[in-house]
Amino acid sequence: MFLHVAPPNPLSRQYSRQVDAWVFPLFEQNWRLFAPDPESVNRQISARTMHTGPDGTARVSGWFDLTAVDNSAVEHNAFPSHTAQNTLRRAWSSYVETHGGDDRPRSERALMIQQYLTNIAAQRISGHRGSAFESVQLRVITVPIAASAAAGTAAAAPRSVETRYLPWWKVTPHGN
């Protein structure tokens, strides 16, 4: 942690890859607490699984709403945990930052974020469904939030709802 927070120096530059691999995404620092960037869209992140049966046929599950799990953990909770509110949302924003629109990882950090997002989905699905699966696919539906009339700005043309399907990712059999 010292090398991460210390001013740039020869040692921190030499070991920056190893330090970043250990620090991100668990100990990421930013100034959003002091200058929040409010969301301009609502995202519904869902996942489905695929399991190959003994006869070789692939069975695809229905979509499981991961965002609804987060929302239910926060709703009517006077003191919701930071992880219930932000884990999935932050994993998705990190994924978009590291992958762009074509879902191709361009760095070790991008691969790590992809695996992190995959693990979140697999863990949450495993906790709610009892069947085994080998692959997971995510779907992200982005719905723009209309600007309030109190904002005093001219209403821009409403953006349309966007649906993004990520590729199928293999998962490890860690309890699913």
N, C-alpha and C. Protein backbone atom coordinates (compact mmCIF):
# COMPACT_ATOMS: atom_id res chain seq x y z
N MET A 1 0.83 -1.19 0.00
CA MET A 1 0.00 0.00 0.00
C MET A 1 0.88 1.25 0.00
N PHE A 2 2.02 1.19 0.69
CA PHE A 2 2.90 2.36 0.74
C PHE A 2 3.34 2.76 -0.66
N LEU A 3 3.75 1.79 -1.48
CA LEU A 3 4.21 2.11 -2.83
C LEU A 3 3.08 2.67 -3.68
N HIS A 4 1.86 2.30 -3.38
CA HIS A 4 0.72 2.80 -4.14
C HIS A 4 0.42 4.27 -3.81
N VAL A 5 0.47 4.62 -2.53
CA VAL A 5 0.09 5.98 -2.12
C VAL A 5 1.26 6.95 -2.09
N ALA A 6 2.48 6.43 -2.12
CA ALA A 6 3.66 7.30 -2.08
C ALA A 6 3.81 8.06 -3.40
N PRO A 7 4.45 9.22 -3.37
CA PRO A 7 4.72 9.94 -4.62
C PRO A 7 5.54 9.05 -5.57
N PRO A 8 5.38 9.25 -6.87
CA PRO A 8 6.14 8.43 -7.82
C PRO A 8 7.64 8.49 -7.53
N ASN A 9 8.25 7.32 -7.56
CA ASN A 9 9.68 7.21 -7.31
C ASN A 9 10.19 6.00 -8.07
N PRO A 10 11.51 5.81 -8.15
CA PRO A 10 12.03 4.68 -8.94
C PRO A 10 11.49 3.32 -8.49
N LEU A 11 11.34 3.12 -7.19
CA LEU A 11 10.86 1.83 -6.69
C LEU A 11 9.39 1.61 -7.05
N SER A 12 8.55 2.64 -6.88
CA SER A 12 7.13 2.47 -7.21
C SER A 12 6.94 2.29 -8.72
N ARG A 13 7.77 2.93 -9.53
CA ARG A 13 7.68 2.75 -10.98
C ARG A 13 8.12 1.35 -11.39
N GLN A 14 9.16 0.84 -10.75
CA GLN A 14 9.68 -0.49 -11.09
C GLN A 14 8.65 -1.58 -10.76
N TYR A 15 7.93 -1.42 -9.67
CA TYR A 15 6.99 -2.45 -9.23
C TYR A 15 5.53 -2.04 -9.44
N SER A 16 5.27 -1.10 -10.32
CA SER A 16 3.90 -0.59 -10.49
C SER A 16 2.92 -1.69 -10.93
N ARG A 17 3.34 -2.59 -11.81
CA ARG A 17 2.44 -3.67 -12.25
C ARG A 17 2.01 -4.55 -11.09
N GLN A 18 2.97 -4.95 -10.27
CA GLN A 18 2.66 -5.83 -9.14
C GLN A 18 1.82 -5.10 -8.09
N VAL A 19 2.16 -3.84 -7.85
CA VAL A 19 1.41 -3.06 -6.86
C VAL A 19 -0.03 -2.86 -7.33
N ASP A 20 -0.21 -2.48 -8.60
CA ASP A 20 -1.56 -2.27 -9.13
C ASP A 20 -2.38 -3.56 -9.12
N ALA A 21 -1.74 -4.68 -9.41
CA ALA A 21 -2.45 -5.96 -9.41
C ALA A 21 -2.95 -6.31 -8.02
N TRP A 22 -2.24 -5.89 -7.01
CA TRP A 22 -2.66 -6.18 -5.64
C TRP A 22 -3.68 -5.16 -5.13
N VAL A 23 -3.52 -3.91 -5.50
CA VAL A 23 -4.36 -2.85 -4.98
C VAL A 23 -5.73 -2.81 -5.66
N PHE A 24 -5.77 -2.91 -7.00
CA PHE A 24 -7.03 -2.80 -7.72
C PHE A 24 -7.70 -4.15 -7.81
N PRO A 25 -9.00 -4.34 -7.76
CA PRO A 25 -10.02 -3.32 -7.56
C PRO A 25 -10.41 -3.14 -6.11
N LEU A 26 -9.78 -3.89 -5.20
CA LEU A 26 -10.24 -3.90 -3.82
C LEU A 26 -9.98 -2.61 -3.05
N PHE A 27 -8.87 -1.94 -3.32
CA PHE A 27 -8.51 -0.76 -2.55
C PHE A 27 -8.46 0.50 -3.39
N GLU A 28 -9.26 0.56 -4.42
CA GLU A 28 -9.24 1.71 -5.31
C GLU A 28 -9.61 2.97 -4.54
N GLN A 29 -8.94 4.07 -4.86
CA GLN A 29 -9.22 5.35 -4.22
C GLN A 29 -9.71 6.33 -5.27
N ASN A 30 -10.67 7.14 -4.88
CA ASN A 30 -11.13 8.21 -5.75
C ASN A 30 -11.75 9.29 -4.88
N TRP A 31 -12.14 10.39 -5.50
CA TRP A 31 -12.67 11.53 -4.76
C TRP A 31 -14.19 11.61 -4.86
N ARG A 32 -14.86 10.57 -5.23
CA ARG A 32 -16.30 10.61 -5.42
C ARG A 32 -17.06 10.86 -4.12
N LEU A 33 -16.48 10.56 -2.99
CA LEU A 33 -17.13 10.84 -1.72
C LEU A 33 -17.34 12.35 -1.56
N PHE A 34 -16.37 13.12 -2.03
CA PHE A 34 -16.42 14.57 -1.86
C PHE A 34 -17.06 15.28 -3.05
N ALA A 35 -17.00 14.68 -4.22
CA ALA A 35 -17.58 15.28 -5.42
C ALA A 35 -18.28 14.18 -6.21
N PRO A 36 -19.42 13.74 -5.72
CA PRO A 36 -20.08 12.60 -6.38
C PRO A 36 -20.51 12.94 -7.80
N ASP A 37 -20.47 11.92 -8.61
CA ASP A 37 -20.88 12.02 -10.00
C ASP A 37 -22.20 11.26 -10.10
N PRO A 38 -23.33 11.96 -10.00
CA PRO A 38 -24.61 11.24 -9.97
C PRO A 38 -24.85 10.46 -11.25
N GLU A 39 -25.51 9.36 -11.10
CA GLU A 39 -25.82 8.51 -12.24
C GLU A 39 -26.82 9.21 -13.16
N SER A 40 -26.63 9.10 -14.44
CA SER A 40 -27.57 9.66 -15.41
C SER A 40 -28.35 8.55 -16.10
N VAL A 41 -28.07 7.31 -15.69
CA VAL A 41 -28.77 6.16 -16.25
C VAL A 41 -29.03 5.14 -15.13
N ASN A 42 -30.02 4.31 -15.36
CA ASN A 42 -30.24 3.14 -14.50
C ASN A 42 -29.79 1.93 -15.30
N ARG A 43 -29.09 1.04 -14.64
CA ARG A 43 -28.64 -0.18 -15.31
C ARG A 43 -29.23 -1.40 -14.62
N GLN A 44 -29.74 -2.30 -15.44
CA GLN A 44 -30.19 -3.58 -14.94
C GLN A 44 -29.22 -4.61 -15.48
N ILE A 45 -28.47 -5.24 -14.58
CA ILE A 45 -27.49 -6.25 -14.98
C ILE A 45 -28.07 -7.61 -14.63
N SER A 46 -28.22 -8.44 -15.65
CA SER A 46 -28.77 -9.79 -15.49
C SER A 46 -27.75 -10.79 -15.99
N ALA A 47 -27.91 -12.01 -15.54
CA ALA A 47 -27.00 -13.08 -15.97
C ALA A 47 -27.81 -14.34 -16.25
N ARG A 48 -27.30 -15.13 -17.16
CA ARG A 48 -27.86 -16.45 -17.40
C ARG A 48 -26.71 -17.44 -17.48
N THR A 49 -27.04 -18.69 -17.27
CA THR A 49 -26.01 -19.72 -17.23
C THR A 49 -26.24 -20.75 -18.32
N MET A 50 -25.16 -21.49 -18.60
CA MET A 50 -25.24 -22.58 -19.57
C MET A 50 -24.60 -23.81 -18.93
N HIS A 51 -25.28 -24.92 -19.09
CA HIS A 51 -24.79 -26.20 -18.59
C HIS A 51 -24.93 -27.23 -19.69
N THR A 52 -23.88 -27.99 -19.90
CA THR A 52 -23.92 -29.06 -20.90
C THR A 52 -24.31 -30.34 -20.19
N GLY A 53 -25.41 -30.91 -20.63
CA GLY A 53 -25.93 -32.13 -20.03
C GLY A 53 -25.13 -33.35 -20.43
N PRO A 54 -25.41 -34.49 -19.80
CA PRO A 54 -24.70 -35.73 -20.11
C PRO A 54 -24.83 -36.15 -21.57
N ASP A 55 -25.93 -35.76 -22.21
CA ASP A 55 -26.14 -36.12 -23.61
C ASP A 55 -25.47 -35.13 -24.57
N GLY A 56 -24.77 -34.11 -24.02
CA GLY A 56 -24.05 -33.16 -24.85
C GLY A 56 -24.85 -31.94 -25.27
N THR A 57 -26.11 -31.88 -24.88
CA THR A 57 -26.91 -30.71 -25.24
C THR A 57 -26.70 -29.59 -24.22
N ALA A 58 -26.64 -28.38 -24.75
CA ALA A 58 -26.45 -27.21 -23.89
C ALA A 58 -27.81 -26.73 -23.40
N ARG A 59 -27.88 -26.50 -22.10
CA ARG A 59 -29.10 -25.98 -21.50
C ARG A 59 -28.81 -24.57 -20.99
N VAL A 60 -29.59 -23.61 -21.47
CA VAL A 60 -29.41 -22.21 -21.09
C VAL A 60 -30.54 -21.82 -20.14
N SER A 61 -30.18 -21.23 -19.03
CA SER A 61 -31.17 -20.81 -18.05
C SER A 61 -31.85 -19.51 -18.49
N GLY A 62 -32.87 -19.12 -17.75
CA GLY A 62 -33.47 -17.82 -17.96
C GLY A 62 -32.58 -16.75 -17.32
N TRP A 63 -32.91 -15.51 -17.57
CA TRP A 63 -32.11 -14.40 -17.02
C TRP A 63 -32.39 -14.24 -15.54
N PHE A 64 -31.34 -14.00 -14.77
CA PHE A 64 -31.41 -13.77 -13.33
C PHE A 64 -30.97 -12.33 -13.08
N ASP A 65 -31.82 -11.54 -12.46
CA ASP A 65 -31.58 -10.10 -12.27
C ASP A 65 -30.64 -9.85 -11.08
N LEU A 66 -29.37 -9.63 -11.38
CA LEU A 66 -28.38 -9.36 -10.34
C LEU A 66 -28.62 -8.01 -9.67
N THR A 67 -29.08 -7.03 -10.44
CA THR A 67 -29.34 -5.70 -9.90
C THR A 67 -30.46 -5.76 -8.87
N ALA A 68 -31.48 -6.57 -9.11
CA ALA A 68 -32.59 -6.68 -8.18
C ALA A 68 -32.12 -7.24 -6.84
N VAL A 69 -31.14 -8.13 -6.86
CA VAL A 69 -30.58 -8.66 -5.61
C VAL A 69 -29.95 -7.52 -4.81
N ASP A 70 -29.19 -6.66 -5.49
CA ASP A 70 -28.58 -5.51 -4.82
C ASP A 70 -29.65 -4.56 -4.29
N ASN A 71 -30.63 -4.26 -5.13
CA ASN A 71 -31.67 -3.33 -4.72
C ASN A 71 -32.45 -3.83 -3.51
N SER A 72 -32.73 -5.11 -3.46
CA SER A 72 -33.47 -5.66 -2.32
C SER A 72 -32.63 -5.64 -1.05
N ALA A 73 -31.31 -5.72 -1.18
CA ALA A 73 -30.44 -5.65 0.00
C ALA A 73 -30.36 -4.23 0.56
N VAL A 74 -30.65 -3.24 -0.27
CA VAL A 74 -30.56 -1.84 0.14
C VAL A 74 -31.93 -1.29 0.56
N GLU A 75 -32.97 -1.70 -0.14
CA GLU A 75 -34.30 -1.16 0.10
C GLU A 75 -34.77 -1.47 1.52
N HIS A 76 -35.32 -0.49 2.17
CA HIS A 76 -35.85 -0.59 3.53
C HIS A 76 -34.79 -0.94 4.57
N ASN A 77 -33.53 -0.72 4.22
CA ASN A 77 -32.43 -0.98 5.15
C ASN A 77 -31.88 0.38 5.57
N ALA A 78 -31.99 0.68 6.84
CA ALA A 78 -31.54 1.99 7.33
C ALA A 78 -30.03 2.17 7.19
N PHE A 79 -29.28 1.09 7.25
CA PHE A 79 -27.83 1.15 7.16
C PHE A 79 -27.31 0.10 6.17
N PRO A 80 -27.60 0.29 4.88
CA PRO A 80 -27.14 -0.70 3.90
C PRO A 80 -25.62 -0.67 3.78
N SER A 81 -25.06 -1.82 3.53
CA SER A 81 -23.60 -1.90 3.42
C SER A 81 -23.12 -1.29 2.11
N HIS A 82 -21.90 -0.84 2.14
CA HIS A 82 -21.27 -0.27 0.95
C HIS A 82 -21.21 -1.32 -0.16
N THR A 83 -20.92 -2.56 0.21
CA THR A 83 -20.81 -3.61 -0.81
C THR A 83 -22.16 -3.90 -1.45
N ALA A 84 -23.24 -3.87 -0.66
CA ALA A 84 -24.57 -4.12 -1.24
C ALA A 84 -24.93 -3.04 -2.24
N GLN A 85 -24.45 -1.84 -2.01
CA GLN A 85 -24.80 -0.73 -2.89
C GLN A 85 -23.90 -0.62 -4.11
N ASN A 86 -22.65 -1.03 -3.99
CA ASN A 86 -21.69 -0.64 -5.02
C ASN A 86 -20.89 -1.74 -5.71
N THR A 87 -20.85 -2.94 -5.20
CA THR A 87 -19.98 -3.97 -5.78
C THR A 87 -20.27 -4.20 -7.25
N LEU A 88 -21.50 -4.50 -7.59
CA LEU A 88 -21.84 -4.80 -8.97
C LEU A 88 -21.72 -3.55 -9.85
N ARG A 89 -22.20 -2.42 -9.36
CA ARG A 89 -22.14 -1.17 -10.13
C ARG A 89 -20.70 -0.77 -10.42
N ARG A 90 -19.83 -0.85 -9.43
CA ARG A 90 -18.43 -0.48 -9.62
C ARG A 90 -17.70 -1.49 -10.51
N ALA A 91 -18.04 -2.78 -10.37
CA ALA A 91 -17.43 -3.78 -11.24
C ALA A 91 -17.80 -3.51 -12.69
N TRP A 92 -19.07 -3.14 -12.93
CA TRP A 92 -19.49 -2.84 -14.30
C TRP A 92 -18.78 -1.60 -14.83
N SER A 93 -18.71 -0.53 -14.05
CA SER A 93 -18.06 0.68 -14.54
C SER A 93 -16.57 0.44 -14.81
N SER A 94 -15.93 -0.38 -13.99
CA SER A 94 -14.53 -0.74 -14.23
C SER A 94 -14.39 -1.57 -15.50
N TYR A 95 -15.35 -2.46 -15.73
CA TYR A 95 -15.34 -3.28 -16.94
C TYR A 95 -15.42 -2.39 -18.19
N VAL A 96 -16.34 -1.43 -18.19
CA VAL A 96 -16.51 -0.53 -19.33
C VAL A 96 -15.24 0.29 -19.55
N GLU A 97 -14.63 0.76 -18.45
CA GLU A 97 -13.40 1.56 -18.56
C GLU A 97 -12.25 0.75 -19.16
N THR A 98 -12.18 -0.54 -18.86
CA THR A 98 -11.04 -1.34 -19.31
C THR A 98 -11.29 -2.11 -20.60
N HIS A 99 -12.55 -2.26 -21.00
CA HIS A 99 -12.87 -3.03 -22.20
C HIS A 99 -13.43 -2.22 -23.35
N GLY A 100 -14.00 -1.07 -23.06
CA GLY A 100 -14.64 -0.31 -24.12
C GLY A 100 -15.88 -1.02 -24.62
N GLY A 101 -16.26 -0.76 -25.85
CA GLY A 101 -17.49 -1.31 -26.40
C GLY A 101 -17.37 -2.65 -27.08
N ASP A 102 -16.14 -3.15 -27.27
CA ASP A 102 -15.98 -4.39 -28.02
C ASP A 102 -15.72 -5.62 -27.14
N ASP A 103 -15.72 -5.45 -25.82
CA ASP A 103 -15.56 -6.54 -24.86
C ASP A 103 -14.24 -7.29 -24.99
N ARG A 104 -13.21 -6.59 -25.47
CA ARG A 104 -11.88 -7.20 -25.56
C ARG A 104 -10.97 -6.62 -24.48
N PRO A 105 -10.43 -7.46 -23.61
CA PRO A 105 -9.52 -6.94 -22.59
C PRO A 105 -8.20 -6.50 -23.23
N ARG A 106 -7.73 -5.35 -22.81
CA ARG A 106 -6.50 -4.81 -23.40
C ARG A 106 -5.34 -4.74 -22.42
N SER A 107 -5.54 -5.30 -21.24
CA SER A 107 -4.47 -5.27 -20.23
C SER A 107 -4.73 -6.36 -19.20
N GLU A 108 -3.76 -6.55 -18.34
CA GLU A 108 -3.92 -7.51 -17.25
C GLU A 108 -5.02 -7.05 -16.31
N ARG A 109 -5.10 -5.74 -16.09
CA ARG A 109 -6.16 -5.19 -15.23
C ARG A 109 -7.53 -5.49 -15.85
N ALA A 110 -7.65 -5.36 -17.16
CA ALA A 110 -8.92 -5.65 -17.84
C ALA A 110 -9.31 -7.11 -17.65
N LEU A 111 -8.35 -8.02 -17.75
CA LEU A 111 -8.63 -9.44 -17.52
C LEU A 111 -9.07 -9.68 -16.09
N MET A 112 -8.42 -9.00 -15.14
CA MET A 112 -8.77 -9.15 -13.74
C MET A 112 -10.20 -8.64 -13.49
N ILE A 113 -10.55 -7.50 -14.07
CA ILE A 113 -11.89 -6.94 -13.90
C ILE A 113 -12.93 -7.87 -14.51
N GLN A 114 -12.62 -8.43 -15.68
CA GLN A 114 -13.53 -9.38 -16.32
C GLN A 114 -13.76 -10.59 -15.42
N GLN A 115 -12.69 -11.11 -14.83
CA GLN A 115 -12.82 -12.26 -13.93
C GLN A 115 -13.60 -11.87 -12.67
N TYR A 116 -13.37 -10.67 -12.18
CA TYR A 116 -14.09 -10.17 -11.00
C TYR A 116 -15.59 -10.10 -11.28
N LEU A 117 -15.97 -9.56 -12.43
CA LEU A 117 -17.38 -9.47 -12.80
C LEU A 117 -17.98 -10.87 -12.99
N THR A 118 -17.22 -11.76 -13.58
CA THR A 118 -17.67 -13.15 -13.75
C THR A 118 -17.90 -13.81 -12.40
N ASN A 119 -16.96 -13.61 -11.47
CA ASN A 119 -17.09 -14.20 -10.14
C ASN A 119 -18.30 -13.67 -9.38
N ILE A 120 -18.56 -12.36 -9.50
CA ILE A 120 -19.73 -11.78 -8.84
C ILE A 120 -20.99 -12.46 -9.36
N ALA A 121 -21.11 -12.56 -10.68
CA ALA A 121 -22.29 -13.18 -11.28
C ALA A 121 -22.42 -14.65 -10.85
N ALA A 122 -21.33 -15.41 -10.95
CA ALA A 122 -21.38 -16.83 -10.60
C ALA A 122 -21.72 -17.04 -9.13
N GLN A 123 -21.15 -16.23 -8.27
CA GLN A 123 -21.42 -16.36 -6.83
C GLN A 123 -22.88 -16.05 -6.52
N ARG A 124 -23.41 -15.00 -7.10
CA ARG A 124 -24.79 -14.62 -6.81
C ARG A 124 -25.80 -15.61 -7.40
N ILE A 125 -25.50 -16.12 -8.58
CA ILE A 125 -26.39 -17.11 -9.17
C ILE A 125 -26.35 -18.39 -8.35
N SER A 126 -25.16 -18.82 -7.96
CA SER A 126 -25.02 -20.03 -7.16
C SER A 126 -25.77 -19.93 -5.84
N GLY A 127 -25.82 -18.73 -5.29
CA GLY A 127 -26.52 -18.54 -4.02
C GLY A 127 -28.03 -18.62 -4.14
N HIS A 128 -28.56 -18.46 -5.35
CA HIS A 128 -30.01 -18.46 -5.55
C HIS A 128 -30.53 -19.65 -6.35
N ARG A 129 -29.64 -20.30 -7.08
CA ARG A 129 -30.03 -21.46 -7.88
C ARG A 129 -29.13 -22.62 -7.51
N GLY A 130 -29.71 -23.79 -7.44
CA GLY A 130 -28.94 -24.94 -7.00
C GLY A 130 -28.24 -25.72 -8.09
N SER A 131 -28.50 -25.43 -9.35
CA SER A 131 -27.95 -26.26 -10.42
C SER A 131 -26.54 -25.83 -10.81
N ALA A 132 -25.78 -26.77 -11.32
CA ALA A 132 -24.40 -26.51 -11.76
C ALA A 132 -24.41 -25.87 -13.14
N PHE A 133 -23.35 -25.14 -13.45
CA PHE A 133 -23.21 -24.52 -14.76
C PHE A 133 -21.74 -24.32 -15.07
N GLU A 134 -21.42 -24.23 -16.38
CA GLU A 134 -20.04 -24.07 -16.81
C GLU A 134 -19.74 -22.68 -17.35
N SER A 135 -20.78 -21.97 -17.81
CA SER A 135 -20.58 -20.65 -18.42
C SER A 135 -21.65 -19.69 -17.94
N VAL A 136 -21.29 -18.42 -18.01
CA VAL A 136 -22.23 -17.36 -17.63
C VAL A 136 -22.17 -16.25 -18.68
N GLN A 137 -23.32 -15.63 -18.94
CA GLN A 137 -23.39 -14.51 -19.86
C GLN A 137 -24.13 -13.37 -19.15
N LEU A 138 -23.66 -12.15 -19.34
CA LEU A 138 -24.30 -10.99 -18.74
C LEU A 138 -25.02 -10.17 -19.81
N ARG A 139 -26.11 -9.56 -19.38
CA ARG A 139 -26.89 -8.63 -20.21
C ARG A 139 -27.05 -7.36 -19.38
N VAL A 140 -26.75 -6.22 -19.99
CA VAL A 140 -26.87 -4.94 -19.30
C VAL A 140 -27.84 -4.07 -20.07
N ILE A 141 -28.94 -3.73 -19.41
CA ILE A 141 -29.94 -2.85 -20.01
C ILE A 141 -29.75 -1.48 -19.37
N THR A 142 -29.48 -0.48 -20.20
CA THR A 142 -29.22 0.88 -19.73
C THR A 142 -30.40 1.77 -20.12
N VAL A 143 -31.03 2.34 -19.08
CA VAL A 143 -32.18 3.21 -19.28
C VAL A 143 -31.80 4.61 -18.81
N PRO A 144 -31.87 5.60 -19.71
CA PRO A 144 -31.52 6.97 -19.32
C PRO A 144 -32.49 7.52 -18.27
N ILE A 145 -31.97 8.33 -17.36
CA ILE A 145 -32.79 9.02 -16.37
C ILE A 145 -33.09 10.40 -16.94
N ALA A 146 -34.35 10.74 -17.02
CA ALA A 146 -34.74 12.04 -17.56
C ALA A 146 -34.30 13.15 -16.62
N ALA A 147 -33.84 14.25 -17.19
CA ALA A 147 -33.45 15.41 -16.38
C ALA A 147 -34.70 15.99 -15.72
N SER A 148 -34.54 16.44 -14.49
CA SER A 148 -35.69 17.00 -13.79
C SER A 148 -36.02 18.39 -14.33
N ALA A 149 -37.25 18.77 -14.23
CA ALA A 149 -37.68 20.10 -14.68
C ALA A 149 -37.01 21.18 -13.84
N ALA A 150 -36.68 20.85 -12.59
CA ALA A 150 -36.04 21.82 -11.69
C ALA A 150 -34.63 22.14 -12.13
N ALA A 151 -34.05 21.33 -13.00
CA ALA A 151 -32.67 21.57 -13.44
C ALA A 151 -32.57 22.84 -14.27
N GLY A 152 -33.70 23.27 -14.84
CA GLY A 152 -33.72 24.53 -15.57
C GLY A 152 -33.06 24.48 -16.93
N THR A 153 -32.76 23.31 -17.44
CA THR A 153 -32.13 23.20 -18.75
C THR A 153 -33.17 22.78 -19.77
N ALA A 154 -32.92 23.15 -20.99
CA ALA A 154 -33.83 22.73 -22.06
C ALA A 154 -33.76 21.22 -22.18
N ALA A 155 -34.90 20.61 -22.32
CA ALA A 155 -34.95 19.14 -22.39
C ALA A 155 -34.29 18.66 -23.67
N ALA A 156 -33.30 17.83 -23.51
CA ALA A 156 -32.63 17.24 -24.66
C ALA A 156 -33.48 16.09 -25.17
N ALA A 157 -33.22 15.69 -26.38
CA ALA A 157 -33.94 14.55 -26.93
C ALA A 157 -33.64 13.33 -26.08
N PRO A 158 -34.68 12.60 -25.68
CA PRO A 158 -34.43 11.45 -24.81
C PRO A 158 -33.60 10.39 -25.53
N ARG A 159 -32.63 9.88 -24.80
CA ARG A 159 -31.82 8.79 -25.36
C ARG A 159 -32.62 7.50 -25.26
N SER A 160 -32.27 6.56 -26.11
CA SER A 160 -33.01 5.31 -26.12
C SER A 160 -32.40 4.31 -25.14
N VAL A 161 -33.18 3.31 -24.83
CA VAL A 161 -32.73 2.22 -23.98
C VAL A 161 -31.72 1.40 -24.77
N GLU A 162 -30.61 1.05 -24.13
CA GLU A 162 -29.59 0.24 -24.78
C GLU A 162 -29.47 -1.10 -24.07
N THR A 163 -29.34 -2.15 -24.86
CA THR A 163 -29.13 -3.49 -24.30
C THR A 163 -27.81 -4.01 -24.83
N ARG A 164 -26.97 -4.45 -23.93
CA ARG A 164 -25.65 -4.97 -24.30
C ARG A 164 -25.52 -6.40 -23.77
N TYR A 165 -25.16 -7.31 -24.66
CA TYR A 165 -24.93 -8.70 -24.30
C TYR A 165 -23.43 -8.96 -24.30
N LEU A 166 -22.92 -9.44 -23.21
CA LEU A 166 -21.51 -9.78 -23.13
C LEU A 166 -21.30 -11.20 -23.62
N PRO A 167 -20.07 -11.56 -23.96
CA PRO A 167 -19.82 -12.93 -24.43
C PRO A 167 -20.03 -13.95 -23.29
N TRP A 168 -20.17 -15.20 -23.68
CA TRP A 168 -20.21 -16.27 -22.68
C TRP A 168 -18.83 -16.42 -22.08
N TRP A 169 -18.76 -16.52 -20.76
CA TRP A 169 -17.49 -16.71 -20.06
C TRP A 169 -17.54 -17.99 -19.28
N LYS A 170 -16.46 -18.75 -19.35
CA LYS A 170 -16.34 -19.98 -18.56
C LYS A 170 -16.18 -19.60 -17.09
N VAL A 171 -16.75 -20.42 -16.22
CA VAL A 171 -16.59 -20.21 -14.79
C VAL A 171 -15.95 -21.44 -14.17
N THR A 172 -15.25 -21.23 -13.08
CA THR A 172 -14.65 -22.34 -12.38
C THR A 172 -15.69 -22.95 -11.45
N PRO A 173 -15.58 -24.21 -11.18
CA PRO A 173 -16.58 -24.87 -10.34
C PRO A 173 -16.38 -24.56 -8.85
N HIS A 174 -16.38 -23.28 -8.49
CA HIS A 174 -16.19 -22.90 -7.09
C HIS A 174 -17.54 -22.84 -6.36
N GLY A 175 -18.16 -23.99 -6.28
CA GLY A 175 -19.39 -24.07 -5.52
C GLY A 175 -20.67 -23.90 -6.33
N ASN A 176 -20.56 -23.76 -7.64
CA ASN A 176 -21.81 -23.59 -8.39
C ASN A 176 -22.41 -24.91 -8.76
